[in-house]
Every structure is written in C-alpha cells, then in structure tokens.
C-alpha cells in the first residue's frame, strides 16, 4: 500500500525539529533581551536629559 509519507521519511524531520525548536527559542529570547536592554538604555538617556534640562532651568531662575 502506498502512503504519501511513511514514518521512516518523517524521522529526519523530527530530528530537525527537536534541534530547531530550542535553537529558535534561544534566538528569540536573546532578541527579546536585547530589545529590552535597548529600550531601557533609551529610557535612561531620556530621564538624564530631562534631569539636565530641569537643572539648567533652576540655574537660570536662581
């Protein structure tokens, strides 16, 4: 009896998926971590800039 896919044909694909799923998950987590670090760095720069501007305003008004 002819079948489109036999179990033996699917074994290499299963091995690939077992290796690929953790790799894709790891890369995704690394990308998310870099995204979070980038956003945190930008936020810190904005806070520092706001602080400097408010400090300059206080010096001008004093």
PDB file of N, CA and C in Angstrom:
ATOM      1  N   UNK A   1       0.843  -1.181   0.000  1.00  0.00           N
ATOM      2  CA  UNK A   1       0.000   0.000   0.000  1.00  0.00           C
ATOM      3  C   UNK A   1       0.891   1.247   0.000  1.00  0.00           C
ATOM      4  N   UNK A   2       0.588   2.170  -0.855  1.00  0.00           N
ATOM      5  CA  UNK A   2       1.386   3.385  -0.992  1.00  0.00           C
ATOM      6  C   UNK A   2       0.848   4.471  -0.066  1.00  0.00           C
ATOM      7  N   UNK A   3       1.739   5.057   0.703  1.00  0.00           N
ATOM      8  CA  UNK A   3       1.352   6.211   1.526  1.00  0.00           C
ATOM      9  C   UNK A   3       2.229   7.387   1.128  1.00  0.00           C
ATOM     10  N   UNK A   4       1.700   8.551   1.278  1.00  0.00           N
ATOM     11  CA  UNK A   4       2.433   9.750   0.886  1.00  0.00           C
ATOM     12  C   UNK A   4       3.681   9.937   1.752  1.00  0.00           C
ATOM     13  N   UNK A   5       3.535   9.771   3.052  1.00  0.00           N
ATOM     14  CA  UNK A   5       4.665   9.871   3.973  1.00  0.00           C
ATOM     15  C   UNK A   5       4.686   8.637   4.846  1.00  0.00           C
ATOM     16  N   UNK A   6       5.819   8.031   4.966  1.00  0.00           N
ATOM     17  CA  UNK A   6       5.959   6.915   5.892  1.00  0.00           C
ATOM     18  C   UNK A   6       6.683   7.409   7.137  1.00  0.00           C
ATOM     19  N   UNK A   7       6.629   6.624   8.169  1.00  0.00           N
ATOM     20  CA  UNK A   7       7.279   7.009   9.419  1.00  0.00           C
ATOM     21  C   UNK A   7       8.780   7.194   9.214  1.00  0.00           C
ATOM     22  N   UNK A   8       9.391   6.340   8.420  1.00  0.00           N
ATOM     23  CA  UNK A   8      10.830   6.436   8.173  1.00  0.00           C
ATOM     24  C   UNK A   8      11.193   7.750   7.486  1.00  0.00           C
ATOM     25  N   UNK A   9      10.297   8.265   6.652  1.00  0.00           N
ATOM     26  CA  UNK A   9      10.554   9.541   5.992  1.00  0.00           C
ATOM     27  C   UNK A   9      10.442  10.712   6.964  1.00  0.00           C
ATOM     28  N   UNK A  10       9.665  10.534   8.003  1.00  0.00           N
ATOM     29  CA  UNK A  10       9.437  11.629   8.946  1.00  0.00           C
ATOM     30  C   UNK A  10      10.501  11.699  10.040  1.00  0.00           C
ATOM     31  N   UNK A  11      11.270  10.637  10.244  1.00  0.00           N
ATOM     32  CA  UNK A  11      12.268  10.625  11.319  1.00  0.00           C
ATOM     33  C   UNK A  11      13.302  11.740  11.150  1.00  0.00           C
ATOM     34  N   UNK A  12      13.893  11.946   9.966  1.00  0.00           N
ATOM     35  CA  UNK A  12      14.852  13.055   9.849  1.00  0.00           C
ATOM     36  C   UNK A  12      14.215  14.414  10.150  1.00  0.00           C
ATOM     37  N   UNK A  13      12.971  14.601   9.755  1.00  0.00           N
ATOM     38  CA  UNK A  13      12.290  15.855  10.039  1.00  0.00           C
ATOM     39  C   UNK A  13      12.080  16.017  11.541  1.00  0.00           C
ATOM     40  N   UNK A  14      11.746  14.935  12.230  1.00  0.00           N
ATOM     41  CA  UNK A  14      11.560  15.001  13.679  1.00  0.00           C
ATOM     42  C   UNK A  14      12.871  15.370  14.368  1.00  0.00           C
ATOM     43  N   UNK A  15      13.970  14.795  13.914  1.00  0.00           N
ATOM     44  CA  UNK A  15      15.267  15.141  14.491  1.00  0.00           C
ATOM     45  C   UNK A  15      15.591  16.610  14.257  1.00  0.00           C
ATOM     46  N   UNK A  16      15.269  17.104  13.079  1.00  0.00           N
ATOM     47  CA  UNK A  16      15.499  18.515  12.782  1.00  0.00           C
ATOM     48  C   UNK A  16      14.667  19.402  13.695  1.00  0.00           C
ATOM     49  N   UNK A  17      13.401  19.053  13.887  1.00  0.00           N
ATOM     50  CA  UNK A  17      12.523  19.861  14.728  1.00  0.00           C
ATOM     51  C   UNK A  17      12.972  19.842  16.182  1.00  0.00           C
ATOM     52  N   UNK A  18      13.435  18.693  16.658  1.00  0.00           N
ATOM     53  CA  UNK A  18      13.906  18.602  18.040  1.00  0.00           C
ATOM     54  C   UNK A  18      15.100  19.530  18.244  1.00  0.00           C
ATOM     55  N   UNK A  19      15.945  19.655  17.243  1.00  0.00           N
ATOM     56  CA  UNK A  19      17.081  20.568  17.347  1.00  0.00           C
ATOM     57  C   UNK A  19      16.717  22.008  17.058  1.00  0.00           C
ATOM     58  N   UNK A  20      15.760  22.224  16.175  1.00  0.00           N
ATOM     59  CA  UNK A  20      15.433  23.581  15.745  1.00  0.00           C
ATOM     60  C   UNK A  20      14.594  24.330  16.773  1.00  0.00           C
ATOM     61  N   UNK A  21      13.697  23.650  17.446  1.00  0.00           N
ATOM     62  CA  UNK A  21      12.803  24.344  18.383  1.00  0.00           C
ATOM     63  C   UNK A  21      13.589  25.027  19.503  1.00  0.00           C
ATOM     64  N   UNK A  22      14.519  24.337  20.178  1.00  0.00           N
ATOM     65  CA  UNK A  22      15.292  25.057  21.207  1.00  0.00           C
ATOM     66  C   UNK A  22      16.160  26.172  20.632  1.00  0.00           C
ATOM     67  N   UNK A  23      16.700  25.965  19.444  1.00  0.00           N
ATOM     68  CA  UNK A  23      17.544  27.000  18.835  1.00  0.00           C
ATOM     69  C   UNK A  23      16.719  28.245  18.525  1.00  0.00           C
ATOM     70  N   UNK A  24      15.547  28.060  17.960  1.00  0.00           N
ATOM     71  CA  UNK A  24      14.680  29.197  17.643  1.00  0.00           C
ATOM     72  C   UNK A  24      14.230  29.884  18.928  1.00  0.00           C
ATOM     73  N   UNK A  25      13.911  29.102  19.948  1.00  0.00           N
ATOM     74  CA  UNK A  25      13.507  29.676  21.232  1.00  0.00           C
ATOM     75  C   UNK A  25      14.646  30.497  21.832  1.00  0.00           C
ATOM     76  N   UNK A  26      15.855  29.958  21.793  1.00  0.00           N
ATOM     77  CA  UNK A  26      17.013  30.666  22.349  1.00  0.00           C
ATOM     78  C   UNK A  26      17.268  31.975  21.605  1.00  0.00           C
ATOM     79  N   UNK A  27      17.220  31.928  20.286  1.00  0.00           N
ATOM     80  CA  UNK A  27      17.446  33.136  19.490  1.00  0.00           C
ATOM     81  C   UNK A  27      16.357  34.164  19.778  1.00  0.00           C
ATOM     82  N   UNK A  28      15.114  33.699  19.902  1.00  0.00           N
ATOM     83  CA  UNK A  28      14.018  34.615  20.228  1.00  0.00           C
ATOM     84  C   UNK A  28      14.200  35.267  21.583  1.00  0.00           C
ATOM     85  N   UNK A  29      14.633  34.502  22.567  1.00  0.00           N
ATOM     86  CA  UNK A  29      14.854  35.065  23.905  1.00  0.00           C
ATOM     87  C   UNK A  29      16.004  36.065  23.898  1.00  0.00           C
ATOM     88  N   UNK A  30      17.058  35.754  23.150  1.00  0.00           N
ATOM     89  CA  UNK A  30      18.183  36.696  23.046  1.00  0.00           C
ATOM     90  C   UNK A  30      17.730  37.995  22.379  1.00  0.00           C
ATOM     91  N   UNK A  31      16.941  37.869  21.336  1.00  0.00           N
ATOM     92  CA  UNK A  31      16.426  39.057  20.663  1.00  0.00           C
ATOM     93  C   UNK A  31      15.554  39.891  21.576  1.00  0.00           C
ATOM     94  N   UNK A  32      14.707  39.243  22.355  1.00  0.00           N
ATOM     95  CA  UNK A  32      13.835  39.958  23.289  1.00  0.00           C
ATOM     96  C   UNK A  32      14.663  40.649  24.371  1.00  0.00           C
ATOM     97  N   UNK A  33      15.701  39.972  24.866  1.00  0.00           N
ATOM     98  CA  UNK A  33      16.562  40.575  25.890  1.00  0.00           C
ATOM     99  C   UNK A  33      17.276  41.808  25.343  1.00  0.00           C
ATOM    100  N   UNK A  34      17.785  41.720  24.117  1.00  0.00           N
ATOM    101  CA  UNK A  34      18.446  42.879  23.510  1.00  0.00           C
ATOM    102  C   UNK A  34      17.466  44.026  23.306  1.00  0.00           C
ATOM    103  N   UNK A  35      16.236  43.703  22.914  1.00  0.00           N
ATOM    104  CA  UNK A  35      15.204  44.721  22.745  1.00  0.00           C
ATOM    105  C   UNK A  35      14.931  45.428  24.070  1.00  0.00           C
ATOM    106  N   UNK A  36      14.807  44.649  25.150  1.00  0.00           N
ATOM    107  CA  UNK A  36      14.542  45.235  26.469  1.00  0.00           C
ATOM    108  C   UNK A  36      15.711  46.106  26.926  1.00  0.00           C
ATOM    109  N   UNK A  37      16.939  45.631  26.722  1.00  0.00           N
ATOM    110  CA  UNK A  37      18.106  46.424  27.115  1.00  0.00           C
ATOM    111  C   UNK A  37      18.185  47.721  26.320  1.00  0.00           C
ATOM    112  N   UNK A  38      17.852  47.652  25.045  1.00  0.00           N
ATOM    113  CA  UNK A  38      17.881  48.842  24.204  1.00  0.00           C
ATOM    114  C   UNK A  38      16.851  49.857  24.686  1.00  0.00           C
ATOM    115  N   UNK A  39      15.638  49.391  24.969  1.00  0.00           N
ATOM    116  CA  UNK A  39      14.594  50.298  25.444  1.00  0.00           C
ATOM    117  C   UNK A  39      14.961  50.895  26.794  1.00  0.00           C
ATOM    118  N   UNK A  40      15.563  50.097  27.671  1.00  0.00           N
ATOM    119  CA  UNK A  40      15.955  50.582  28.988  1.00  0.00           C
ATOM    120  C   UNK A  40      17.036  51.648  28.862  1.00  0.00           C
ATOM    121  N   UNK A  41      17.975  51.432  27.959  1.00  0.00           N
ATOM    122  CA  UNK A  41      19.041  52.403  27.740  1.00  0.00           C
ATOM    123  C   UNK A  41      18.472  53.721  27.210  1.00  0.00           C
ATOM    124  N   UNK A  42      17.546  53.638  26.271  1.00  0.00           N
ATOM    125  CA  UNK A  42      16.926  54.849  25.725  1.00  0.00           C
ATOM    126  C   UNK A  42      16.162  55.594  26.814  1.00  0.00           C
ATOM    127  N   UNK A  43      15.462  54.851  27.661  1.00  0.00           N
ATOM    128  CA  UNK A  43      14.683  55.480  28.730  1.00  0.00           C
ATOM    129  C   UNK A  43      15.611  56.187  29.720  1.00  0.00           C
ATOM    130  N   UNK A  44      16.730  55.559  30.057  1.00  0.00           N
ATOM    131  CA  UNK A  44      17.685  56.187  30.972  1.00  0.00           C
ATOM    132  C   UNK A  44      18.266  57.461  30.367  1.00  0.00           C
ATOM    133  N   UNK A  45      18.532  57.453  29.069  1.00  0.00           N
ATOM    134  CA  UNK A  45      19.054  58.651  28.418  1.00  0.00           C
ATOM    135  C   UNK A  45      18.024  59.772  28.445  1.00  0.00           C
ATOM    136  N   UNK A  46      16.750  59.436  28.223  1.00  0.00           N
ATOM    137  CA  UNK A  46      15.695  60.449  28.258  1.00  0.00           C
ATOM    138  C   UNK A  46      15.540  61.028  29.659  1.00  0.00           C
ATOM    139  N   UNK A  47      15.610  60.179  30.672  1.00  0.00           N
ATOM    140  CA  UNK A  47      15.493  60.653  32.050  1.00  0.00           C
ATOM    141  C   UNK A  47      16.660  61.576  32.382  1.00  0.00           C
ATOM    142  N   UNK A  48      17.862  61.198  31.970  1.00  0.00           N
ATOM    143  CA  UNK A  48      19.038  62.032  32.231  1.00  0.00           C
ATOM    144  C   UNK A  48      18.918  63.368  31.508  1.00  0.00           C
ATOM    145  N   UNK A  49      18.406  63.351  30.292  1.00  0.00           N
ATOM    146  CA  UNK A  49      18.241  64.594  29.537  1.00  0.00           C
ATOM    147  C   UNK A  49      17.205  65.488  30.214  1.00  0.00           C
ATOM    148  N   UNK A  50      16.091  64.912  30.658  1.00  0.00           N
ATOM    149  CA  UNK A  50      15.069  65.686  31.364  1.00  0.00           C
ATOM    150  C   UNK A  50      15.638  66.278  32.649  1.00  0.00           C
ATOM    151  N   UNK A  51      16.449  65.501  33.346  1.00  0.00           N
ATOM    152  CA  UNK A  51      17.056  65.972  34.593  1.00  0.00           C
ATOM    153  C   UNK A  51      17.996  67.149  34.324  1.00  0.00           C
ATOM    154  N   UNK A  52      18.814  67.035  33.260  1.00  0.00           N
ATOM    155  CA  UNK A  52      19.737  68.125  32.929  1.00  0.00           C
ATOM    156  C   UNK A  52      18.968  69.382  32.543  1.00  0.00           C
ATOM    157  N   UNK A  53      17.893  69.230  31.776  1.00  0.00           N
ATOM    158  CA  UNK A  53      17.112  70.391  31.362  1.00  0.00           C
ATOM    159  C   UNK A  53      16.464  71.067  32.560  1.00  0.00           C
ATOM    160  N   UNK A  54      15.943  70.280  33.489  1.00  0.00           N
ATOM    161  CA  UNK A  54      15.316  70.878  34.667  1.00  0.00           C
ATOM    162  C   UNK A  54      16.371  71.532  35.554  1.00  0.00           C
ATOM    163  N   UNK A  55      17.566  70.946  35.637  1.00  0.00           N
ATOM    164  CA  UNK A  55      18.640  71.543  36.432  1.00  0.00           C
ATOM    165  C   UNK A  55      19.097  72.855  35.800  1.00  0.00           C
ATOM    166  N   UNK A  56      19.175  72.922  34.487  1.00  0.00           N
ATOM    167  CA  UNK A  56      19.557  74.161  33.820  1.00  0.00           C
ATOM    168  C   UNK A  56      18.495  75.229  34.047  1.00  0.00           C
ATOM    169  N   UNK A  57      17.239  74.825  34.034  1.00  0.00           N
ATOM    170  CA  UNK A  57      16.155  75.775  34.294  1.00  0.00           C
ATOM    171  C   UNK A  57      16.235  76.344  35.690  1.00  0.00           C
ATOM    172  N   UNK A  58      16.617  75.533  36.661  1.00  0.00           N
ATOM    173  CA  UNK A  58      16.741  76.013  38.035  1.00  0.00           C
ATOM    174  C   UNK A  58      17.888  77.007  38.161  1.00  0.00           C
ATOM    175  N   UNK A  59      18.990  76.754  37.434  1.00  0.00           N
ATOM    176  CA  UNK A  59      20.122  77.673  37.495  1.00  0.00           C
ATOM    177  C   UNK A  59      19.773  79.016  36.868  1.00  0.00           C
ATOM    178  N   UNK A  60      19.006  78.994  35.793  1.00  0.00           N
ATOM    179  CA  UNK A  60      18.617  80.229  35.117  1.00  0.00           C
ATOM    180  C   UNK A  60      17.663  81.023  35.998  1.00  0.00           C
ATOM    181  N   UNK A  61      16.746  80.337  36.679  1.00  0.00           N
ATOM    182  CA  UNK A  61      15.746  81.014  37.502  1.00  0.00           C
ATOM    183  C   UNK A  61      16.314  81.481  38.840  1.00  0.00           C
ATOM    184  N   UNK A  62      17.468  80.979  39.248  1.00  0.00           N
ATOM    185  CA  UNK A  62      18.004  81.302  40.577  1.00  0.00           C
ATOM    186  C   UNK A  62      18.594  82.678  40.658  1.00  0.00           C
TER     187      UNK A  62
END
